Protein backbone atom coordinates (compact mmCIF):
# COMPACT_ATOMS: atom_id res chain seq x y z
CA MET A 1 94.69 -113.92 -39.91
CA ALA A 2 92.60 -116.88 -38.95
CA ASN A 3 89.70 -118.21 -40.94
CA ILE A 4 86.26 -119.30 -39.72
CA GLN A 5 84.00 -121.48 -41.89
CA ILE A 6 80.37 -122.28 -41.17
CA ARG A 7 78.89 -125.28 -42.88
CA ASN A 8 75.28 -126.29 -43.42
CA VAL A 9 73.79 -122.81 -43.31
CA PRO A 10 70.04 -123.18 -44.27
CA PRO A 11 69.32 -121.48 -47.62
CA GLU A 12 66.81 -119.05 -46.04
CA LEU A 13 69.31 -117.86 -43.47
CA HIS A 14 71.94 -117.42 -46.17
CA ARG A 15 69.49 -115.33 -48.31
CA THR A 16 68.62 -113.13 -45.24
CA LEU A 17 72.25 -112.50 -44.42
CA LYS A 18 73.13 -111.82 -47.96
CA GLN A 19 70.24 -109.29 -48.29
CA ARG A 20 71.31 -107.52 -45.06
CA ALA A 21 74.90 -107.37 -46.47
CA GLU A 22 73.70 -105.90 -49.72
CA LYS A 23 71.46 -103.35 -47.87
CA ALA A 24 74.51 -102.37 -45.86
CA GLY A 25 76.55 -102.03 -49.06
CA VAL A 26 79.18 -104.51 -48.07
CA SER A 27 80.07 -108.12 -49.02
CA LEU A 28 78.68 -110.95 -47.12
CA GLN A 29 82.09 -111.64 -45.62
CA GLU A 30 82.44 -108.07 -44.39
CA TYR A 31 78.99 -108.03 -42.98
CA LEU A 32 79.49 -111.22 -41.06
CA LEU A 33 82.95 -110.11 -39.85
CA GLY A 34 81.19 -107.03 -38.44
CA GLU A 35 78.49 -109.06 -36.70
CA VAL A 36 80.94 -111.50 -35.24
CA THR A 37 83.10 -108.61 -34.00
CA THR A 38 80.07 -107.16 -32.28
CA ILE A 39 79.33 -110.54 -30.67
CA ALA A 40 82.89 -110.88 -29.49
CA LYS A 41 82.92 -107.36 -27.97
CA THR A 42 79.70 -107.91 -26.06
CA PRO A 43 80.35 -109.55 -22.71
CA THR A 44 78.38 -112.69 -21.98
CA MET A 45 75.98 -112.69 -18.95
CA ASP A 46 78.46 -114.91 -17.05
CA GLU A 47 81.15 -112.31 -17.68
CA VAL A 48 78.92 -109.46 -16.53
CA ILE A 49 77.90 -111.40 -13.36
CA ALA A 50 81.62 -112.23 -12.66
CA ARG A 51 82.56 -108.53 -12.98
CA VAL A 52 79.73 -107.40 -10.67
CA ARG A 53 80.60 -110.03 -8.08
CA SER A 54 84.26 -108.99 -8.16
CA ARG A 55 83.42 -105.42 -7.19
CA GLU A 56 83.45 -104.05 -3.63
CA LEU A 57 80.11 -103.93 -1.88
CA TYR A 58 78.94 -100.65 -0.44
CA ASP A 59 76.85 -100.23 2.67
CA LEU A 60 74.20 -97.73 1.77
CA GLU A 61 73.18 -96.38 5.18
CA PRO A 62 70.87 -95.01 6.08
CA ALA A 63 68.22 -96.88 4.13
CA SER A 64 66.05 -94.76 1.74
CA ALA A 65 62.93 -95.51 3.69
CA GLU A 66 64.59 -94.30 6.94
CA THR A 67 65.75 -91.07 5.14
CA ILE A 68 62.21 -90.39 3.82
CA ALA A 69 60.72 -90.96 7.22
CA GLN A 70 63.19 -88.53 8.81
CA ILE A 71 62.34 -85.87 6.19
CA ARG A 72 58.63 -86.44 6.78
CA ARG A 73 59.07 -86.06 10.59
CA GLU A 74 61.00 -82.78 10.11
CA ASP A 75 58.26 -81.53 7.74
CA ASP A 76 55.57 -82.46 10.35
CA GLU A 77 57.54 -80.66 13.11
CA GLN A 78 57.72 -77.58 10.93
CA LEU A 79 53.95 -77.61 10.20
CA GLU A 80 53.11 -78.05 13.92
CA SER A 81 55.34 -75.21 14.94
CA ARG A 82 53.40 -72.82 12.71
């Protein structure tokens, strides 16, 4: 397994992370490994955009406004015929 080391962590940040680890009932190393794993599993905005752009485009015809207008016309015709 590879190792990652972070230098020059401000004392306040270290305390905060250590407190969170203690609250979670794990070591600081376990806590940080979990957080880094979550970060790595979450796609970046660039990755999401690339995934969306790679998908096929769909033509959504008819437009919603056109469909609503047609339903309203049909409703009006039914009312007038009564």
